[in-house]
């Protein structure tokens, strides 16, 4: 989860997609409802659920791998690029 404002700053070209996937709830004020004596503030959040897709370099992708940021349903926020970690080996055991 990433704050909505931060996501808009990092991915300005995808603002329309971010708006569709925005999660907003509550408010910052204390909620005094009739019949309720609770002064506990309700939690407020304004965020977007984003995922990072990492694919390691394989013969099927020309040993480039793939990387992108996408929404929960797989809609890309960034363009699909070669994996920046494609040549990094897998660590075995403790270091």
PDB file of N, CA and C in Angstrom:
ATOM      1  N   UNK A   1       0.839  -1.173   0.000  1.00  0.00           N
ATOM      2  CA  UNK A   1       0.000   0.000   0.000  1.00  0.00           C
ATOM      3  C   UNK A   1       0.884   1.235   0.000  1.00  0.00           C
ATOM      4  N   UNK A   2       0.498   2.207  -0.785  1.00  0.00           N
ATOM      5  CA  UNK A   2       1.256   3.442  -0.906  1.00  0.00           C
ATOM      6  C   UNK A   2       0.275   4.604  -0.776  1.00  0.00           C
ATOM      7  N   UNK A   3       0.669   5.663  -0.063  1.00  0.00           N
ATOM      8  CA  UNK A   3      -0.218   6.826   0.001  1.00  0.00           C
ATOM      9  C   UNK A   3      -0.536   7.334  -1.407  1.00  0.00           C
ATOM     10  N   UNK A   4      -1.788   7.721  -1.604  1.00  0.00           N
ATOM     11  CA  UNK A   4      -2.253   8.156  -2.923  1.00  0.00           C
ATOM     12  C   UNK A   4      -1.422   9.312  -3.471  1.00  0.00           C
ATOM     13  N   UNK A   5      -1.127  10.305  -2.629  1.00  0.00           N
ATOM     14  CA  UNK A   5      -0.351  11.463  -3.084  1.00  0.00           C
ATOM     15  C   UNK A   5       1.048  11.057  -3.542  1.00  0.00           C
ATOM     16  N   UNK A   6       1.664  10.127  -2.839  1.00  0.00           N
ATOM     17  CA  UNK A   6       2.996   9.659  -3.213  1.00  0.00           C
ATOM     18  C   UNK A   6       2.944   8.911  -4.545  1.00  0.00           C
ATOM     19  N   UNK A   7       1.923   8.081  -4.731  1.00  0.00           N
ATOM     20  CA  UNK A   7       1.768   7.343  -5.986  1.00  0.00           C
ATOM     21  C   UNK A   7       1.573   8.306  -7.158  1.00  0.00           C
ATOM     22  N   UNK A   8       0.787   9.360  -6.956  1.00  0.00           N
ATOM     23  CA  UNK A   8       0.586  10.361  -8.018  1.00  0.00           C
ATOM     24  C   UNK A   8       1.879  11.085  -8.344  1.00  0.00           C
ATOM     25  N   UNK A   9       2.707  11.322  -7.333  1.00  0.00           N
ATOM     26  CA  UNK A   9       3.987  11.981  -7.554  1.00  0.00           C
ATOM     27  C   UNK A   9       4.944  11.072  -8.330  1.00  0.00           C
ATOM     28  N   UNK A  10       5.000   9.796  -7.944  1.00  0.00           N
ATOM     29  CA  UNK A  10       5.926   8.861  -8.588  1.00  0.00           C
ATOM     30  C   UNK A  10       5.481   8.446  -9.992  1.00  0.00           C
ATOM     31  N   UNK A  11       4.163   8.345 -10.202  1.00  0.00           N
ATOM     32  CA  UNK A  11       3.633   7.854 -11.478  1.00  0.00           C
ATOM     33  C   UNK A  11       2.592   8.825 -12.032  1.00  0.00           C
ATOM     34  N   UNK A  12       2.993  10.041 -12.416  1.00  0.00           N
ATOM     35  CA  UNK A  12       2.013  11.038 -12.859  1.00  0.00           C
ATOM     36  C   UNK A  12       1.274  10.643 -14.145  1.00  0.00           C
ATOM     37  N   UNK A  13       1.886   9.856 -15.004  1.00  0.00           N
ATOM     38  CA  UNK A  13       1.235   9.447 -16.251  1.00  0.00           C
ATOM     39  C   UNK A  13       0.105   8.451 -16.008  1.00  0.00           C
ATOM     40  N   UNK A  14       0.085   7.833 -14.839  1.00  0.00           N
ATOM     41  CA  UNK A  14      -0.914   6.809 -14.532  1.00  0.00           C
ATOM     42  C   UNK A  14      -1.983   7.320 -13.566  1.00  0.00           C
ATOM     43  N   UNK A  15      -2.176   8.631 -13.482  1.00  0.00           N
ATOM     44  CA  UNK A  15      -3.129   9.201 -12.510  1.00  0.00           C
ATOM     45  C   UNK A  15      -4.541   8.649 -12.693  1.00  0.00           C
ATOM     46  N   UNK A  16      -4.967   8.443 -13.914  1.00  0.00           N
ATOM     47  CA  UNK A  16      -6.314   7.918 -14.162  1.00  0.00           C
ATOM     48  C   UNK A  16      -6.458   6.496 -13.595  1.00  0.00           C
ATOM     49  N   UNK A  17      -5.458   5.674 -13.779  1.00  0.00           N
ATOM     50  CA  UNK A  17      -5.476   4.307 -13.238  1.00  0.00           C
ATOM     51  C   UNK A  17      -5.432   4.352 -11.719  1.00  0.00           C
ATOM     52  N   UNK A  18      -4.609   5.247 -11.159  1.00  0.00           N
ATOM     53  CA  UNK A  18      -4.520   5.374  -9.704  1.00  0.00           C
ATOM     54  C   UNK A  18      -5.854   5.820  -9.117  1.00  0.00           C
ATOM     55  N   UNK A  19      -6.547   6.735  -9.802  1.00  0.00           N
ATOM     56  CA  UNK A  19      -7.854   7.192  -9.326  1.00  0.00           C
ATOM     57  C   UNK A  19      -8.854   6.042  -9.258  1.00  0.00           C
ATOM     58  N   UNK A  20      -8.812   5.141 -10.238  1.00  0.00           N
ATOM     59  CA  UNK A  20      -9.733   3.996 -10.250  1.00  0.00           C
ATOM     60  C   UNK A  20      -9.437   3.016  -9.119  1.00  0.00           C
ATOM     61  N   UNK A  21      -8.191   2.961  -8.670  1.00  0.00           N
ATOM     62  CA  UNK A  21      -7.779   1.997  -7.647  1.00  0.00           C
ATOM     63  C   UNK A  21      -7.538   2.631  -6.286  1.00  0.00           C
ATOM     64  N   UNK A  22      -8.009   3.840  -6.097  1.00  0.00           N
ATOM     65  CA  UNK A  22      -7.823   4.579  -4.849  1.00  0.00           C
ATOM     66  C   UNK A  22      -8.681   3.982  -3.743  1.00  0.00           C
ATOM     67  N   UNK A  23      -8.104   3.893  -2.547  1.00  0.00           N
ATOM     68  CA  UNK A  23      -8.814   3.369  -1.374  1.00  0.00           C
ATOM     69  C   UNK A  23      -8.875   4.493  -0.348  1.00  0.00           C
ATOM     70  N   UNK A  24     -10.081   4.981  -0.059  1.00  0.00           N
ATOM     71  CA  UNK A  24     -10.263   6.080   0.890  1.00  0.00           C
ATOM     72  C   UNK A  24     -11.245   5.617   1.959  1.00  0.00           C
ATOM     73  N   UNK A  25     -10.925   5.935   3.205  1.00  0.00           N
ATOM     74  CA  UNK A  25     -11.837   5.556   4.273  1.00  0.00           C
ATOM     75  C   UNK A  25     -11.704   6.509   5.445  1.00  0.00           C
ATOM     76  N   UNK A  26     -12.825   6.750   6.097  1.00  0.00           N
ATOM     77  CA  UNK A  26     -12.843   7.515   7.326  1.00  0.00           C
ATOM     78  C   UNK A  26     -12.533   8.985   7.163  1.00  0.00           C
ATOM     79  N   UNK A  27     -12.325   9.645   8.306  1.00  0.00           N
ATOM     80  CA  UNK A  27     -11.895  11.036   8.326  1.00  0.00           C
ATOM     81  C   UNK A  27     -11.042  11.254   9.568  1.00  0.00           C
ATOM     82  N   UNK A  28     -10.428  12.395   9.657  1.00  0.00           N
ATOM     83  CA  UNK A  28      -9.520  12.688  10.768  1.00  0.00           C
ATOM     84  C   UNK A  28     -10.220  13.236  12.005  1.00  0.00           C
ATOM     85  N   UNK A  29     -11.512  13.506  11.919  1.00  0.00           N
ATOM     86  CA  UNK A  29     -12.228  14.099  13.052  1.00  0.00           C
ATOM     87  C   UNK A  29     -12.728  13.015  14.007  1.00  0.00           C
ATOM     88  N   UNK A  30     -12.912  13.406  15.235  1.00  0.00           N
ATOM     89  CA  UNK A  30     -13.526  12.473  16.185  1.00  0.00           C
ATOM     90  C   UNK A  30     -15.007  12.387  15.865  1.00  0.00           C
ATOM     91  N   UNK A  31     -15.538  11.205  15.936  1.00  0.00           N
ATOM     92  CA  UNK A  31     -16.914  10.974  15.525  1.00  0.00           C
ATOM     93  C   UNK A  31     -17.800  10.797  16.760  1.00  0.00           C
ATOM     94  N   UNK A  32     -18.573  11.820  17.076  1.00  0.00           N
ATOM     95  CA  UNK A  32     -19.516  11.745  18.186  1.00  0.00           C
ATOM     96  C   UNK A  32     -20.902  11.473  17.600  1.00  0.00           C
ATOM     97  N   UNK A  33     -21.289  10.220  17.561  1.00  0.00           N
ATOM     98  CA  UNK A  33     -22.597   9.874  17.015  1.00  0.00           C
ATOM     99  C   UNK A  33     -23.612   9.826  18.146  1.00  0.00           C
ATOM    100  N   UNK A  34     -24.865   9.985  17.757  1.00  0.00           N
ATOM    101  CA  UNK A  34     -25.927   9.898  18.761  1.00  0.00           C
ATOM    102  C   UNK A  34     -25.937   8.496  19.355  1.00  0.00           C
ATOM    103  N   UNK A  35     -26.008   8.423  20.648  1.00  0.00           N
ATOM    104  CA  UNK A  35     -26.056   7.135  21.329  1.00  0.00           C
ATOM    105  C   UNK A  35     -24.682   6.524  21.527  1.00  0.00           C
ATOM    106  N   UNK A  36     -23.656   7.185  21.063  1.00  0.00           N
ATOM    107  CA  UNK A  36     -22.302   6.656  21.214  1.00  0.00           C
ATOM    108  C   UNK A  36     -21.519   7.607  22.104  1.00  0.00           C
ATOM    109  N   UNK A  37     -20.840   7.066  23.081  1.00  0.00           N
ATOM    110  CA  UNK A  37     -20.041   7.912  23.956  1.00  0.00           C
ATOM    111  C   UNK A  37     -18.551   7.749  23.669  1.00  0.00           C
ATOM    112  N   UNK A  38     -18.225   7.207  22.517  1.00  0.00           N
ATOM    113  CA  UNK A  38     -16.829   6.993  22.155  1.00  0.00           C
ATOM    114  C   UNK A  38     -16.222   8.262  21.549  1.00  0.00           C
ATOM    115  N   UNK A  39     -15.070   8.630  22.051  1.00  0.00           N
ATOM    116  CA  UNK A  39     -14.342   9.771  21.506  1.00  0.00           C
ATOM    117  C   UNK A  39     -13.109   9.296  20.736  1.00  0.00           C
ATOM    118  N   UNK A  40     -13.079   8.024  20.410  1.00  0.00           N
ATOM    119  CA  UNK A  40     -11.948   7.457  19.687  1.00  0.00           C
ATOM    120  C   UNK A  40     -12.004   7.903  18.227  1.00  0.00           C
ATOM    121  N   UNK A  41     -10.921   8.456  17.732  1.00  0.00           N
ATOM    122  CA  UNK A  41     -10.944   8.904  16.327  1.00  0.00           C
ATOM    123  C   UNK A  41     -10.971   7.708  15.373  1.00  0.00           C
ATOM    124  N   UNK A  42     -11.700   7.871  14.297  1.00  0.00           N
ATOM    125  CA  UNK A  42     -11.722   6.834  13.269  1.00  0.00           C
ATOM    126  C   UNK A  42     -10.467   6.955  12.428  1.00  0.00           C
ATOM    127  N   UNK A  43      -9.984   5.822  11.999  1.00  0.00           N
ATOM    128  CA  UNK A  43      -8.772   5.830  11.189  1.00  0.00           C
ATOM    129  C   UNK A  43      -9.062   6.345   9.789  1.00  0.00           C
ATOM    130  N   UNK A  44      -8.171   7.168   9.283  1.00  0.00           N
ATOM    131  CA  UNK A  44      -8.300   7.718   7.942  1.00  0.00           C
ATOM    132  C   UNK A  44      -7.143   7.221   7.095  1.00  0.00           C
ATOM    133  N   UNK A  45      -7.446   6.790   5.902  1.00  0.00           N
ATOM    134  CA  UNK A  45      -6.378   6.463   4.971  1.00  0.00           C
ATOM    135  C   UNK A  45      -6.817   6.770   3.550  1.00  0.00           C
ATOM    136  N   UNK A  46      -5.853   7.108   2.752  1.00  0.00           N
ATOM    137  CA  UNK A  46      -6.046   7.429   1.341  1.00  0.00           C
ATOM    138  C   UNK A  46      -4.861   6.801   0.625  1.00  0.00           C
ATOM    139  N   UNK A  47      -5.055   5.616   0.088  1.00  0.00           N
ATOM    140  CA  UNK A  47      -3.927   4.881  -0.456  1.00  0.00           C
ATOM    141  C   UNK A  47      -4.288   4.151  -1.742  1.00  0.00           C
ATOM    142  N   UNK A  48      -3.271   3.528  -2.323  1.00  0.00           N
ATOM    143  CA  UNK A  48      -3.411   2.742  -3.537  1.00  0.00           C
ATOM    144  C   UNK A  48      -2.645   1.436  -3.311  1.00  0.00           C
ATOM    145  N   UNK A  49      -3.241   0.325  -3.699  1.00  0.00           N
ATOM    146  CA  UNK A  49      -2.570  -0.969  -3.581  1.00  0.00           C
ATOM    147  C   UNK A  49      -1.818  -1.244  -4.880  1.00  0.00           C
ATOM    148  N   UNK A  50      -0.483  -1.284  -4.787  1.00  0.00           N
ATOM    149  CA  UNK A  50       0.349  -1.510  -5.961  1.00  0.00           C
ATOM    150  C   UNK A  50       1.242  -2.725  -5.742  1.00  0.00           C
ATOM    151  N   UNK A  51       1.585  -3.370  -6.828  1.00  0.00           N
ATOM    152  CA  UNK A  51       2.450  -4.541  -6.794  1.00  0.00           C
ATOM    153  C   UNK A  51       3.638  -4.326  -7.717  1.00  0.00           C
ATOM    154  N   UNK A  52       4.756  -4.953  -7.386  1.00  0.00           N
ATOM    155  CA  UNK A  52       5.916  -4.964  -8.265  1.00  0.00           C
ATOM    156  C   UNK A  52       6.000  -6.349  -8.893  1.00  0.00           C
ATOM    157  N   UNK A  53       6.064  -6.392 -10.218  1.00  0.00           N
ATOM    158  CA  UNK A  53       6.201  -7.658 -10.927  1.00  0.00           C
ATOM    159  C   UNK A  53       7.666  -7.832 -11.308  1.00  0.00           C
ATOM    160  N   UNK A  54       8.292  -8.900 -10.816  1.00  0.00           N
ATOM    161  CA  UNK A  54       9.684  -9.203 -11.111  1.00  0.00           C
ATOM    162  C   UNK A  54       9.731 -10.559 -11.800  1.00  0.00           C
ATOM    163  N   UNK A  55      10.399 -10.615 -12.928  1.00  0.00           N
ATOM    164  CA  UNK A  55      10.606 -11.883 -13.624  1.00  0.00           C
ATOM    165  C   UNK A  55      12.096 -12.002 -13.902  1.00  0.00           C
ATOM    166  N   UNK A  56      12.703 -13.099 -13.477  1.00  0.00           N
ATOM    167  CA  UNK A  56      14.144 -13.211 -13.669  1.00  0.00           C
ATOM    168  C   UNK A  56      14.475 -13.506 -15.123  1.00  0.00           C
ATOM    169  N   UNK A  57      15.737 -13.267 -15.504  1.00  0.00           N
ATOM    170  CA  UNK A  57      16.173 -13.498 -16.870  1.00  0.00           C
ATOM    171  C   UNK A  57      16.165 -14.974 -17.210  1.00  0.00           C
ATOM    172  N   UNK A  58      15.417 -15.341 -18.230  1.00  0.00           N
ATOM    173  CA  UNK A  58      15.281 -16.728 -18.681  1.00  0.00           C
ATOM    174  C   UNK A  58      15.460 -16.780 -20.192  1.00  0.00           C
ATOM    175  N   UNK A  59      15.735 -17.970 -20.744  1.00  0.00           N
ATOM    176  CA  UNK A  59      15.826 -18.067 -22.201  1.00  0.00           C
ATOM    177  C   UNK A  59      14.552 -17.605 -22.907  1.00  0.00           C
ATOM    178  N   UNK A  60      13.403 -17.778 -22.270  1.00  0.00           N
ATOM    179  CA  UNK A  60      12.130 -17.388 -22.897  1.00  0.00           C
ATOM    180  C   UNK A  60      11.950 -15.884 -23.007  1.00  0.00           C
ATOM    181  N   UNK A  61      12.698 -15.094 -22.211  1.00  0.00           N
ATOM    182  CA  UNK A  61      12.599 -13.636 -22.316  1.00  0.00           C
ATOM    183  C   UNK A  61      13.926 -13.004 -22.718  1.00  0.00           C
ATOM    184  N   UNK A  62      14.749 -13.763 -23.401  1.00  0.00           N
ATOM    185  CA  UNK A  62      16.024 -13.236 -23.881  1.00  0.00           C
ATOM    186  C   UNK A  62      17.009 -12.913 -22.767  1.00  0.00           C
ATOM    187  N   UNK A  63      16.872 -13.568 -21.619  1.00  0.00           N
ATOM    188  CA  UNK A  63      17.699 -13.345 -20.438  1.00  0.00           C
ATOM    189  C   UNK A  63      17.636 -11.903 -19.927  1.00  0.00           C
ATOM    190  N   UNK A  64      16.575 -11.194 -20.289  1.00  0.00           N
ATOM    191  CA  UNK A  64      16.405  -9.815 -19.813  1.00  0.00           C
ATOM    192  C   UNK A  64      15.542  -9.727 -18.566  1.00  0.00           C
ATOM    193  N   UNK A  65      14.660 -10.674 -18.383  1.00  0.00           N
ATOM    194  CA  UNK A  65      13.714 -10.573 -17.286  1.00  0.00           C
ATOM    195  C   UNK A  65      12.715  -9.472 -17.570  1.00  0.00           C
ATOM    196  N   UNK A  66      11.820  -9.252 -16.631  1.00  0.00           N
ATOM    197  CA  UNK A  66      10.833  -8.173 -16.772  1.00  0.00           C
ATOM    198  C   UNK A  66      10.578  -7.562 -15.406  1.00  0.00           C
ATOM    199  N   UNK A  67      10.251  -6.277 -15.431  1.00  0.00           N
ATOM    200  CA  UNK A  67       9.906  -5.565 -14.208  1.00  0.00           C
ATOM    201  C   UNK A  67       8.890  -4.486 -14.537  1.00  0.00           C
ATOM    202  N   UNK A  68       7.870  -4.372 -13.689  1.00  0.00           N
ATOM    203  CA  UNK A  68       6.930  -3.253 -13.790  1.00  0.00           C
ATOM    204  C   UNK A  68       6.162  -3.133 -12.481  1.00  0.00           C
ATOM    205  N   UNK A  69       5.531  -1.999 -12.312  1.00  0.00           N
ATOM    206  CA  UNK A  69       4.636  -1.762 -11.185  1.00  0.00           C
ATOM    207  C   UNK A  69       3.227  -1.868 -11.749  1.00  0.00           C
ATOM    208  N   UNK A  70       2.350  -2.592 -11.043  1.00  0.00           N
ATOM    209  CA  UNK A  70       1.000  -2.798 -11.554  1.00  0.00           C
ATOM    210  C   UNK A  70      -0.016  -2.772 -10.418  1.00  0.00           C
ATOM    211  N   UNK A  71      -1.284  -2.737 -10.788  1.00  0.00           N
ATOM    212  CA  UNK A  71      -2.374  -2.764  -9.818  1.00  0.00           C
ATOM    213  C   UNK A  71      -2.694  -4.210  -9.461  1.00  0.00           C
ATOM    214  N   UNK A  72      -3.611  -4.378  -8.565  1.00  0.00           N
ATOM    215  CA  UNK A  72      -4.003  -5.716  -8.119  1.00  0.00           C
ATOM    216  C   UNK A  72      -4.506  -6.590  -9.266  1.00  0.00           C
ATOM    217  N   UNK A  73      -5.202  -5.989 -10.232  1.00  0.00           N
ATOM    218  CA  UNK A  73      -5.732  -6.767 -11.346  1.00  0.00           C
ATOM    219  C   UNK A  73      -4.753  -6.884 -12.510  1.00  0.00           C
ATOM    220  N   UNK A  74      -3.503  -6.426 -12.323  1.00  0.00           N
ATOM    221  CA  UNK A  74      -2.464  -6.595 -13.327  1.00  0.00           C
ATOM    222  C   UNK A  74      -2.337  -5.478 -14.333  1.00  0.00           C
ATOM    223  N   UNK A  75      -3.063  -4.392 -14.144  1.00  0.00           N
ATOM    224  CA  UNK A  75      -2.967  -3.251 -15.056  1.00  0.00           C
ATOM    225  C   UNK A  75      -1.653  -2.511 -14.781  1.00  0.00           C
ATOM    226  N   UNK A  76      -0.765  -2.402 -15.790  1.00  0.00           N
ATOM    227  CA  UNK A  76       0.543  -1.785 -15.544  1.00  0.00           C
ATOM    228  C   UNK A  76       0.446  -0.287 -15.255  1.00  0.00           C
ATOM    229  N   UNK A  77       1.200   0.144 -14.262  1.00  0.00           N
ATOM    230  CA  UNK A  77       1.325   1.554 -13.917  1.00  0.00           C
ATOM    231  C   UNK A  77       2.541   2.125 -14.652  1.00  0.00           C
ATOM    232  N   UNK A  78       3.595   1.330 -14.744  1.00  0.00           N
ATOM    233  CA  UNK A  78       4.799   1.717 -15.475  1.00  0.00           C
ATOM    234  C   UNK A  78       4.920   0.817 -16.695  1.00  0.00           C
ATOM    235  N   UNK A  79       5.770   1.200 -17.618  1.00  0.00           N
ATOM    236  CA  UNK A  79       5.998   0.321 -18.765  1.00  0.00           C
ATOM    237  C   UNK A  79       6.810  -0.886 -18.304  1.00  0.00           C
ATOM    238  N   UNK A  80       6.648  -2.004 -19.000  1.00  0.00           N
ATOM    239  CA  UNK A  80       7.387  -3.217 -18.673  1.00  0.00           C
ATOM    240  C   UNK A  80       8.812  -3.031 -19.197  1.00  0.00           C
ATOM    241  N   UNK A  81       9.768  -3.131 -18.276  1.00  0.00           N
ATOM    242  CA  UNK A  81      11.181  -2.903 -18.600  1.00  0.00           C
ATOM    243  C   UNK A  81      11.978  -4.174 -18.306  1.00  0.00           C
ATOM    244  N   UNK A  82      13.215  -4.246 -18.810  1.00  0.00           N
ATOM    245  CA  UNK A  82      14.081  -5.352 -18.392  1.00  0.00           C
ATOM    246  C   UNK A  82      14.325  -5.289 -16.886  1.00  0.00           C
ATOM    247  N   UNK A  83      14.437  -6.440 -16.279  1.00  0.00           N
ATOM    248  CA  UNK A  83      14.657  -6.536 -14.843  1.00  0.00           C
ATOM    249  C   UNK A  83      16.040  -5.971 -14.504  1.00  0.00           C
ATOM    250  N   UNK A  84      16.118  -4.944 -13.644  1.00  0.00           N
ATOM    251  CA  UNK A  84      17.423  -4.381 -13.299  1.00  0.00           C
ATOM    252  C   UNK A  84      18.286  -5.354 -12.492  1.00  0.00           C
ATOM    253  N   UNK A  85      17.711  -6.387 -11.933  1.00  0.00           N
ATOM    254  CA  UNK A  85      18.435  -7.376 -11.129  1.00  0.00           C
ATOM    255  C   UNK A  85      18.602  -8.699 -11.883  1.00  0.00           C
ATOM    256  N   UNK A  86      18.483  -8.703 -13.198  1.00  0.00           N
ATOM    257  CA  UNK A  86      18.446  -9.957 -13.962  1.00  0.00           C
ATOM    258  C   UNK A  86      19.705 -10.793 -13.851  1.00  0.00           C
ATOM    259  N   UNK A  87      20.845 -10.193 -13.591  1.00  0.00           N
ATOM    260  CA  UNK A  87      22.095 -10.946 -13.520  1.00  0.00           C
ATOM    261  C   UNK A  87      22.525 -11.260 -12.096  1.00  0.00           C
ATOM    262  N   UNK A  88      21.755 -10.802 -11.153  1.00  0.00           N
ATOM    263  CA  UNK A  88      22.094 -11.031  -9.750  1.00  0.00           C
ATOM    264  C   UNK A  88      21.825 -12.485  -9.405  1.00  0.00           C
ATOM    265  N   UNK A  89      22.800 -13.152  -8.842  1.00  0.00           N
ATOM    266  CA  UNK A  89      22.658 -14.564  -8.485  1.00  0.00           C
ATOM    267  C   UNK A  89      21.802 -14.761  -7.249  1.00  0.00           C
ATOM    268  N   UNK A  90      21.355 -15.962  -7.063  1.00  0.00           N
ATOM    269  CA  UNK A  90      20.567 -16.311  -5.889  1.00  0.00           C
ATOM    270  C   UNK A  90      21.530 -16.726  -4.792  1.00  0.00           C
ATOM    271  N   UNK A  91      21.370 -16.145  -3.614  1.00  0.00           N
ATOM    272  CA  UNK A  91      22.238 -16.480  -2.483  1.00  0.00           C
ATOM    273  C   UNK A  91      21.828 -17.815  -1.901  1.00  0.00           C
ATOM    274  N   UNK A  92      22.822 -18.624  -1.614  1.00  0.00           N
ATOM    275  CA  UNK A  92      22.563 -19.914  -0.980  1.00  0.00           C
ATOM    276  C   UNK A  92      23.218 -19.914   0.392  1.00  0.00           C
ATOM    277  N   UNK A  93      22.480 -20.349   1.381  1.00  0.00           N
ATOM    278  CA  UNK A  93      23.032 -20.415   2.719  1.00  0.00           C
ATOM    279  C   UNK A  93      23.155 -19.058   3.359  1.00  0.00           C
ATOM    280  N   UNK A  94      23.842 -19.020   4.480  1.00  0.00           N
ATOM    281  CA  UNK A  94      24.014 -17.767   5.222  1.00  0.00           C
ATOM    282  C   UNK A  94      25.230 -17.018   4.703  1.00  0.00           C
ATOM    283  N   UNK A  95      25.151 -15.694   4.778  1.00  0.00           N
ATOM    284  CA  UNK A  95      26.291 -14.869   4.374  1.00  0.00           C
ATOM    285  C   UNK A  95      26.866 -14.153   5.562  1.00  0.00           C
TER     286      UNK A  95
END
